[in-house]
Amino acid sequence: MNFIFLGPPGAGKGTLAAAVSVTYGIPHISTGEIFRAAIKAQTPLGCKVKAIIDSGALVGDDITIELIKERLSQPDTKDGFILDGFPRTIAQAEALEKIAHIDSAVNFDIDDTAVVERLSGRRVCRKCSHNFHVVFMPPEKENICSLCGGELYVRDDDKPEAIKHRLEVYRSQTAPLIDFYRAKNLLKDIDAKPATEAVLETFKAAFPVQ
């Protein structure tokens, strides 16, 4: 099946997409992964993306859509895929309709209070980049990575004021996609507040493995 994963920052889309990818045997495709792969492969589009990112600008819709088209043409997508982080706007969704058939847009629903709790409690290791959470997955020693002993820190975009801004951007730009796909009878809402394992079980019940 061809999935789009929707939901605000902190909904756990990336973690769930990785789990679904393994369970269903389909690739998890994120825009960040596409950008990094294209840059590494030094494709013509990859070189354009590198120049844009190096300049500090945002990669525009036209190049992003071309990269998505290029990625979805690869053989590992023949049995399905998960798009995470694309589309972000109605314009991107309309462009995607010309590239690939979408079976379901899955909206991982979670309220803003839970998002702030999740993201503001995240701690990242400066050495190995492993993630911890002060409530849900605390390190053995406060502010010390349990894996490598590195210092744990709070990412700038995990600070409460930054989280609120990210949610505002999501609500204004990306949330309209929920109505877009609901109108096409392609939207499936899944409660993203429980633990990842429980959300995955709900997903599997909604979309039985073939």
Protein backbone atom coordinates (compact mmCIF):
# COMPACT_ATOMS: atom_id res chain seq x y z
CA MET A 1 0.00 0.00 0.00
CA ASN A 2 1.02 3.59 -0.60
CA PHE A 3 0.74 5.67 2.56
CA ILE A 4 1.09 9.32 3.50
CA PHE A 5 1.75 9.96 7.21
CA LEU A 6 0.31 13.21 8.58
CA GLY A 7 0.45 14.69 12.06
CA PRO A 8 2.05 17.53 14.02
CA PRO A 9 5.67 17.54 15.17
CA GLY A 10 5.94 15.24 18.15
CA ALA A 11 3.23 12.84 16.94
CA GLY A 12 5.88 10.14 16.49
CA LYS A 13 5.46 9.79 12.72
CA GLY A 14 9.12 9.00 12.09
CA THR A 15 9.28 6.27 14.75
CA LEU A 16 6.02 4.73 13.55
CA ALA A 17 7.06 4.95 9.91
CA ALA A 18 10.26 3.04 10.70
CA ALA A 19 8.24 0.31 12.46
CA VAL A 20 5.64 0.11 9.69
CA SER A 21 8.43 -0.05 7.09
CA VAL A 22 9.83 -3.20 8.73
CA THR A 23 6.44 -4.83 9.36
CA TYR A 24 5.07 -4.23 5.86
CA GLY A 25 8.31 -4.46 3.92
CA ILE A 26 7.93 -1.06 2.26
CA PRO A 27 10.35 1.89 2.29
CA HIS A 28 9.98 4.83 4.68
CA ILE A 29 10.59 7.91 2.54
CA SER A 30 11.17 11.25 4.25
CA THR A 31 12.06 14.49 2.49
CA GLY A 32 15.19 14.76 4.65
CA GLU A 33 16.30 11.28 3.60
CA ILE A 34 15.66 12.13 -0.06
CA PHE A 35 17.67 15.35 0.17
CA ARG A 36 20.59 13.59 1.88
CA ALA A 37 20.57 10.67 -0.60
CA ALA A 38 20.46 12.96 -3.64
CA ILE A 39 23.29 15.11 -2.27
CA LYS A 40 25.39 12.03 -1.46
CA ALA A 41 24.79 10.55 -4.93
CA GLN A 42 25.69 13.94 -6.47
CA THR A 43 22.78 13.74 -8.89
CA PRO A 44 22.00 16.95 -10.81
CA LEU A 45 19.05 17.59 -8.52
CA GLY A 46 21.19 16.70 -5.50
CA CYS A 47 23.76 19.32 -6.47
CA LYS A 48 20.98 21.91 -6.76
CA VAL A 49 19.63 20.96 -3.33
CA LYS A 50 23.12 21.19 -1.77
CA ALA A 51 23.64 24.67 -3.20
CA ILE A 52 20.24 25.81 -1.88
CA ILE A 53 20.78 24.35 1.61
CA ASP A 54 24.34 25.71 1.79
CA SER A 55 22.98 29.18 1.03
CA GLY A 56 20.57 28.89 3.97
CA ALA A 57 17.46 28.97 1.78
CA LEU A 58 14.56 26.49 1.72
CA VAL A 59 14.23 23.93 -1.05
CA GLY A 60 11.27 24.98 -3.22
CA ASP A 61 8.26 22.92 -4.26
CA ASP A 62 9.46 22.36 -7.82
CA ILE A 63 12.74 20.67 -6.83
CA THR A 64 11.16 18.79 -3.91
CA ILE A 65 8.46 17.37 -6.21
CA GLU A 66 11.06 16.31 -8.80
CA LEU A 67 13.06 14.54 -6.07
CA ILE A 68 9.92 12.74 -4.87
CA LYS A 69 9.14 11.69 -8.44
CA GLU A 70 12.71 10.43 -8.86
CA ARG A 71 12.56 8.49 -5.56
CA LEU A 72 9.16 6.89 -6.25
CA SER A 73 10.41 5.61 -9.60
CA GLN A 74 12.92 3.35 -7.84
CA PRO A 75 12.16 -0.41 -7.74
CA ASP A 76 11.88 -0.73 -3.95
CA THR A 77 8.59 1.22 -4.05
CA LYS A 78 6.78 -1.30 -6.29
CA ASP A 79 4.93 -2.93 -3.34
CA GLY A 80 4.22 0.34 -1.56
CA PHE A 81 5.82 3.18 0.38
CA ILE A 82 5.38 5.56 3.30
CA LEU A 83 5.74 9.28 2.62
CA ASP A 84 6.71 11.18 5.77
CA GLY A 85 7.08 14.97 5.51
CA PHE A 86 5.59 15.18 2.03
CA PRO A 87 3.23 16.59 0.98
CA ARG A 88 3.31 19.58 3.31
CA THR A 89 0.92 21.81 1.34
CA ILE A 90 -2.16 21.43 -0.86
CA ALA A 91 -0.05 22.39 -3.90
CA GLN A 92 2.35 19.52 -3.15
CA ALA A 93 -0.58 17.12 -2.64
CA GLU A 94 -2.03 18.07 -6.02
CA ALA A 95 1.36 17.55 -7.67
CA LEU A 96 1.69 14.16 -5.98
CA GLU A 97 -1.60 13.02 -7.52
CA LYS A 98 0.09 13.24 -10.93
CA ILE A 99 3.04 11.12 -9.74
CA ALA A 100 1.58 8.28 -7.67
CA HIS A 101 -1.63 6.68 -6.46
CA ILE A 102 -2.20 7.08 -2.70
CA ASP A 103 -4.16 4.38 -0.85
CA SER A 104 -4.44 6.12 2.49
CA ALA A 105 -3.39 9.30 4.29
CA VAL A 106 -2.96 8.40 7.96
CA ASN A 107 -3.46 11.26 10.40
CA PHE A 108 -1.68 10.60 13.69
CA ASP A 109 -3.83 12.74 15.94
CA ILE A 110 -2.44 14.25 19.15
CA ASP A 111 -3.29 17.42 21.07
CA ASP A 112 -0.88 20.33 21.47
CA THR A 113 -0.43 19.79 25.23
CA ALA A 114 0.84 16.24 24.66
CA VAL A 115 3.14 17.46 21.87
CA VAL A 116 4.75 20.07 24.14
CA GLU A 117 5.18 17.44 26.88
CA ARG A 118 6.82 15.00 24.47
CA LEU A 119 9.16 17.40 22.71
CA SER A 120 10.16 19.59 25.65
CA GLY A 121 11.16 16.46 27.58
CA ARG A 122 13.42 15.13 24.85
CA ARG A 123 17.16 15.06 25.52
CA VAL A 124 19.77 14.32 22.85
CA CYS A 125 23.32 13.06 23.33
CA ARG A 126 25.99 15.42 21.97
CA LYS A 127 28.26 12.46 21.17
CA CYS A 128 26.10 9.70 19.69
CA SER A 129 22.83 11.63 19.03
CA HIS A 130 20.73 9.02 20.86
CA ASN A 131 17.38 10.34 22.10
CA PHE A 132 16.08 10.10 25.68
CA HIS A 133 13.03 11.55 27.43
CA VAL A 134 12.92 12.82 30.99
CA VAL A 135 9.53 11.10 31.56
CA PHE A 136 9.09 8.29 29.03
CA MET A 137 12.68 7.10 28.54
CA PRO A 138 14.99 8.71 31.13
CA PRO A 139 18.75 8.06 31.13
CA GLU A 140 20.25 6.08 34.00
CA LYS A 141 22.03 9.23 35.20
CA GLU A 142 20.53 12.68 34.82
CA ASN A 143 21.84 14.52 31.73
CA ILE A 144 24.30 11.69 30.94
CA CYS A 145 23.86 9.35 27.94
CA SER A 146 23.35 5.75 29.09
CA LEU A 147 25.04 4.48 25.91
CA CYS A 148 28.24 6.48 25.58
CA GLY A 149 28.42 8.77 28.63
CA GLY A 150 28.04 11.91 26.53
CA GLU A 151 26.31 15.06 27.71
CA LEU A 152 22.56 15.32 27.04
CA TYR A 153 21.12 18.61 25.83
CA VAL A 154 17.82 20.19 24.71
CA ARG A 155 17.65 20.97 20.99
CA ASP A 156 16.71 24.56 20.20
CA ASP A 157 13.60 23.40 18.33
CA ASP A 158 12.49 21.40 21.39
CA LYS A 159 12.26 24.48 23.61
CA PRO A 160 8.63 25.42 24.45
CA GLU A 161 8.58 28.68 22.44
CA ALA A 162 10.01 26.90 19.38
CA ILE A 163 7.53 24.03 19.72
CA LYS A 164 4.61 26.47 19.79
CA HIS A 165 5.91 28.13 16.64
CA ARG A 166 6.31 24.75 14.90
CA LEU A 167 2.72 23.88 15.81
CA GLU A 168 1.47 27.20 14.45
CA VAL A 169 3.28 26.56 11.16
CA TYR A 170 1.84 23.04 11.02
CA ARG A 171 -1.71 24.20 11.70
CA SER A 172 -1.55 26.91 9.03
CA GLN A 173 0.32 25.07 6.27
CA THR A 174 -0.02 21.31 6.70
CA ALA A 175 -3.23 20.70 8.67
CA PRO A 176 -5.40 21.64 5.63
CA LEU A 177 -4.15 18.40 4.07
CA ILE A 178 -6.34 16.55 6.57
CA ASP A 179 -9.46 18.10 5.02
CA PHE A 180 -8.03 17.57 1.52
CA TYR A 181 -7.65 13.82 1.99
CA ARG A 182 -10.81 13.46 4.08
CA ALA A 183 -12.80 14.92 1.18
CA LYS A 184 -11.33 12.19 -1.05
CA ASN A 185 -12.26 9.47 1.51
CA LEU A 186 -8.57 8.61 1.90
CA LEU A 187 -8.05 9.79 5.48
CA LYS A 188 -7.69 7.46 8.46
CA ASP A 189 -7.40 9.02 11.94
CA ILE A 190 -5.28 7.18 14.51
CA ASP A 191 -4.81 8.31 18.12
CA ALA A 192 -1.07 8.99 18.51
CA LYS A 193 -1.09 9.70 22.24
CA PRO A 194 -0.52 6.09 23.50
CA ALA A 195 2.90 4.42 23.47
CA THR A 196 4.40 3.62 20.07
CA GLU A 197 3.72 -0.12 20.43
CA ALA A 198 0.00 0.51 21.04
CA VAL A 199 -0.27 2.95 18.11
CA LEU A 200 1.43 0.39 15.85
CA GLU A 201 -1.10 -2.28 16.88
CA THR A 202 -3.95 0.13 16.05
CA PHE A 203 -2.34 0.78 12.67
CA LYS A 204 -1.98 -2.94 11.94
CA ALA A 205 -5.64 -3.51 12.83
CA ALA A 206 -6.67 -0.74 10.43
CA PHE A 207 -4.37 -1.97 7.65
CA PRO A 208 -3.91 -5.74 7.99
CA VAL A 209 -0.60 -7.03 6.62
CA GLN A 210 -1.27 -8.76 3.30
